[in-house]
Amino acid sequence: MPRLVGKNAVITGAASGVGRAASLLFAREGAAIACVDIDPKMGAETAAMVRAEGGDAIFIETDLADSAAIEVMAQACREWRSVIHVLFNNAGIAESVSADVALFLASDKSSYVNGSVIALDGGRMGITPGTF
């Protein structure tokens, strides 16, 4: 038996990746889904994918970097369903990164497995073995 029957879920970042996958999974488990994203084409596509599988979904276009837009989204969710059981706050805001962070992101992260942590401190990169 599906585990989320009768539940209402709001999933941010629903247009792609983990947000899209979560929208589909939660719907397969019986939840009604409010797909929230800044990308209207991809977000609406996610909601359509949920509905194509027999689920219940709406799309709410929202720029989560804008507090006023978040208020509008919250009101739209309350109008859609009076109770929200699940909020999966999956959206991220991409910003430019420093050269040190870009270098780290492009590097081999096996140091984590080997017990080292790379710390980014004020634009300086330091490696501290065995520190967590």
Protein backbone atom coordinates (compact mmCIF):
# COMPACT_ATOMS: atom_id res chain seq x y z
CA MET A 1 0.00 0.00 0.00
CA PRO A 2 1.33 3.46 -0.87
CA ARG A 3 2.65 5.31 2.18
CA LEU A 4 1.54 8.87 1.35
CA VAL A 5 -2.11 8.36 0.42
CA GLY A 6 -4.13 11.43 1.40
CA LYS A 7 -1.02 13.54 2.03
CA ASN A 8 -0.18 16.83 0.35
CA ALA A 9 3.43 17.61 -0.50
CA VAL A 10 5.16 20.81 -1.59
CA ILE A 11 8.42 20.13 -3.40
CA THR A 12 10.71 23.02 -4.28
CA GLY A 13 13.22 22.64 -7.08
CA ALA A 14 10.74 20.29 -8.74
CA ALA A 15 11.69 21.12 -12.34
CA SER A 16 14.59 18.69 -12.57
CA GLY A 17 16.98 16.37 -10.80
CA VAL A 18 16.22 15.32 -7.25
CA GLY A 19 13.13 17.56 -7.11
CA ARG A 20 11.59 15.96 -10.18
CA ALA A 21 12.45 12.47 -8.95
CA ALA A 22 10.95 13.24 -5.52
CA SER A 23 7.79 14.62 -7.12
CA LEU A 24 7.31 11.41 -9.09
CA LEU A 25 8.20 9.16 -6.14
CA PHE A 26 5.94 10.96 -3.66
CA ALA A 27 3.09 10.84 -6.18
CA ARG A 28 3.63 7.11 -6.74
CA GLU A 29 3.32 6.76 -2.97
CA GLY A 30 -0.08 8.52 -3.13
CA ALA A 31 0.69 12.16 -2.31
CA ALA A 32 -0.76 15.14 -4.14
CA ILE A 33 2.15 17.30 -5.28
CA ALA A 34 2.68 21.05 -5.55
CA CYS A 35 5.69 21.33 -7.85
CA VAL A 36 7.49 24.61 -7.10
CA ASP A 37 10.26 25.98 -9.29
CA ILE A 38 11.50 29.10 -11.04
CA ASP A 39 11.54 27.33 -14.44
CA PRO A 40 7.98 27.42 -15.80
CA LYS A 41 8.54 25.02 -18.69
CA MET A 42 10.33 22.29 -16.75
CA GLY A 43 8.22 22.75 -13.63
CA ALA A 44 4.98 22.41 -15.57
CA GLU A 45 6.50 19.37 -17.29
CA THR A 46 7.13 17.72 -13.91
CA ALA A 47 3.52 18.34 -12.84
CA ALA A 48 2.33 16.91 -16.18
CA MET A 49 4.52 13.83 -15.67
CA VAL A 50 2.92 13.26 -12.26
CA ARG A 51 -0.56 13.60 -13.75
CA ALA A 52 0.35 11.30 -16.67
CA GLU A 53 1.10 8.60 -14.09
CA GLY A 54 -2.32 9.14 -12.51
CA GLY A 55 -1.18 11.48 -9.75
CA ASP A 56 -2.52 14.84 -8.64
CA ALA A 57 -0.16 17.76 -9.21
CA ILE A 58 -0.03 21.49 -9.77
CA PHE A 59 2.85 23.74 -10.73
CA ILE A 60 3.59 27.00 -8.91
CA GLU A 61 6.25 29.19 -10.51
CA THR A 62 8.30 30.79 -7.75
CA ASP A 63 11.62 32.58 -7.43
CA LEU A 64 12.72 31.35 -4.01
CA ALA A 65 15.32 34.10 -3.80
CA ASP A 66 12.43 36.60 -3.53
CA SER A 67 10.66 36.68 -0.14
CA ALA A 68 7.53 38.27 -1.63
CA ALA A 69 7.33 35.47 -4.19
CA ILE A 70 7.63 32.93 -1.37
CA GLU A 71 4.62 34.51 0.35
CA VAL A 72 2.63 34.26 -2.90
CA MET A 73 3.68 30.62 -3.27
CA ALA A 74 2.67 29.84 0.32
CA GLN A 75 -0.75 31.40 -0.26
CA ALA A 76 -1.17 29.43 -3.49
CA CYS A 77 -0.36 26.23 -1.58
CA ARG A 78 -2.93 27.09 1.11
CA GLU A 79 -5.53 27.70 -1.61
CA TRP A 80 -4.62 24.41 -3.31
CA ARG A 81 -4.88 22.36 -0.10
CA SER A 82 -5.79 23.48 3.40
CA VAL A 83 -3.18 21.18 4.96
CA ILE A 84 0.39 20.58 3.82
CA HIS A 85 1.84 17.39 5.26
CA VAL A 86 5.24 17.38 3.58
CA LEU A 87 7.60 20.18 2.58
CA PHE A 88 10.66 19.05 0.67
CA ASN A 89 12.77 22.19 0.46
CA ASN A 90 15.03 20.93 -2.30
CA ALA A 91 15.66 24.10 -4.32
CA GLY A 92 19.08 25.63 -4.45
CA ILE A 93 20.24 29.01 -5.61
CA ALA A 94 23.24 28.91 -7.91
CA GLU A 95 25.67 31.76 -7.47
CA SER A 96 29.11 32.36 -8.85
CA VAL A 97 31.89 30.79 -6.84
CA SER A 98 35.47 31.82 -6.12
CA ALA A 99 38.37 30.23 -7.95
CA ASP A 100 39.24 28.23 -4.81
CA VAL A 101 35.73 26.78 -4.56
CA ALA A 102 35.70 26.00 -8.29
CA LEU A 103 39.05 24.23 -7.90
CA PHE A 104 37.66 22.21 -4.98
CA LEU A 105 34.50 21.27 -6.88
CA ALA A 106 36.59 20.09 -9.83
CA SER A 107 39.03 18.13 -7.64
CA ASP A 108 39.16 14.49 -6.65
CA LYS A 109 37.22 14.28 -3.39
CA SER A 110 38.81 11.03 -2.27
CA SER A 111 40.36 12.98 0.60
CA TYR A 112 36.97 12.77 2.30
CA VAL A 113 37.09 8.99 2.09
CA ASN A 114 40.69 9.01 3.29
CA GLY A 115 39.86 11.01 6.41
CA SER A 116 40.77 14.53 5.38
CA VAL A 117 38.57 17.54 5.14
CA ILE A 118 39.21 20.45 2.84
CA ALA A 119 38.23 23.69 4.57
CA LEU A 120 37.53 26.85 2.64
CA ASP A 121 38.36 29.80 4.86
CA GLY A 122 38.19 33.37 3.63
CA GLY A 123 39.26 32.45 0.11
CA ARG A 124 42.23 30.35 1.34
CA MET A 125 42.13 26.61 0.90
CA GLY A 126 43.55 24.51 3.69
CA ILE A 127 43.69 20.77 4.13
CA THR A 128 43.31 19.38 7.62
CA PRO A 129 43.83 15.61 7.83
CA GLY A 130 41.49 13.71 10.10
CA THR A 131 39.33 16.70 11.05
CA PHE A 132 35.55 16.54 10.84
